[in-house]
Amino acid sequence: MKKWILISLVLLALALGATYLFIPSTLKISQNLRIEANKEGLYRKLSQPSSWAEWWPGSKTMNESGAWEMDGGLFQPLEQKMLSLSILLKEGSVEATAELTLIAIKTDSSLLHIETSFPASNNPFSRVAAYLKAVKIKEHFASMLQAINSTYSSVAKLYGYDIRKEKVVDSNLVFIAKQLKTLPSTDEVYAMVKKLNDYILAKQATSTGYPMLNVFTRDSVDYEVRVAIPVNRRLPDAGEIHYKWMLGGGNILITEVKGGPEEIKKAYNQVNHYVTDYKRLAPAIPFESMVTDRSMEKDSNQWITRIYFPVI
């Protein structure tokens, strides 16, 4: 009997010793994942707590304290930093701050790195419990990074619109420019469209695309309105109607949006973010291709518009 007691004590001592040998006094947890997404665009998404519902792998509703739950763990977005986001996590009795860092690999790919650390207890049993919590936190980190990857690894998901880079096709344009003190009404825009269509018909030319619109203001007081129509050949200037040639084969960003002025404005903002994030330059003004005849369709929610944004 004494022999078995001795053996049990030795095994217990070895087990206790192993907890100090193999479980460090400070538990460090980290996970990495490469994602095919622009770093600036990704940071902009992740730094907005309201957007977490788009990708969060746990409960899609944050609690009253602003934390998001996943399998018993709580994760609350904290301050934003230049390269990282701080997250307060709670896993049982463990409370720690994690740092989610974004590192640009290329303009269209990033490395996600998340890490945290917390002290393990000197009590061997509490030390093992802390280790098991660390294992669970590591699993949570992996789920988070995989969820971010699956949600934002495409341009359409990251920016909210399917922004495509294509080549300029319609290089011949005729246009009218006007100065106004207010945003142009639909009637004013389509009066300009009619003048252009009448001119194209008089010159026995053919339009090759939908009417195009650009409205520019620096001060929300004076507005410069340009309406253009692509045509099949060069046409001479005639009074207020002018010819413009765009370099055929040049790069242009295109996205399509359904909705009225506010939705179109949102799409423009996202395309502008894309241009900045990917370090593009705009050699010419962007414009709206009015796929829907807005003079006929009075419900602006039904408008289809293609935004064209020349870039180099």
Foldseek 3Di string as FASTA:
>chain_A
DVVVVVVVVVVVVVLLVVLPVVQDQKDKAKDKDKAQAAQVLLCVQVLDLVNCLLQQPADSDADPVQWDDDPQKTWHWDDDDPFWTWIWIDRPPDTWIKIWGWADPALRMIMTMIMIMDGQDPPSVSNVVVVVSSVVVNVSNVSRVVSSRVQGRALCRSLVWRKDKDWDDQFKKKKFKDKDQAPDDLVRQVVRVVVVVVVCVVVVWDFDAFKKWDWDDDPNGIIMIMIMTRIDDHDPDDVRMHMGGDDTGAIKIKTKDAFADVRVVSVVVSVVVVCVSNVKDFPDAKIKRFPDSCVVVVHRNGTMIMIITTTD
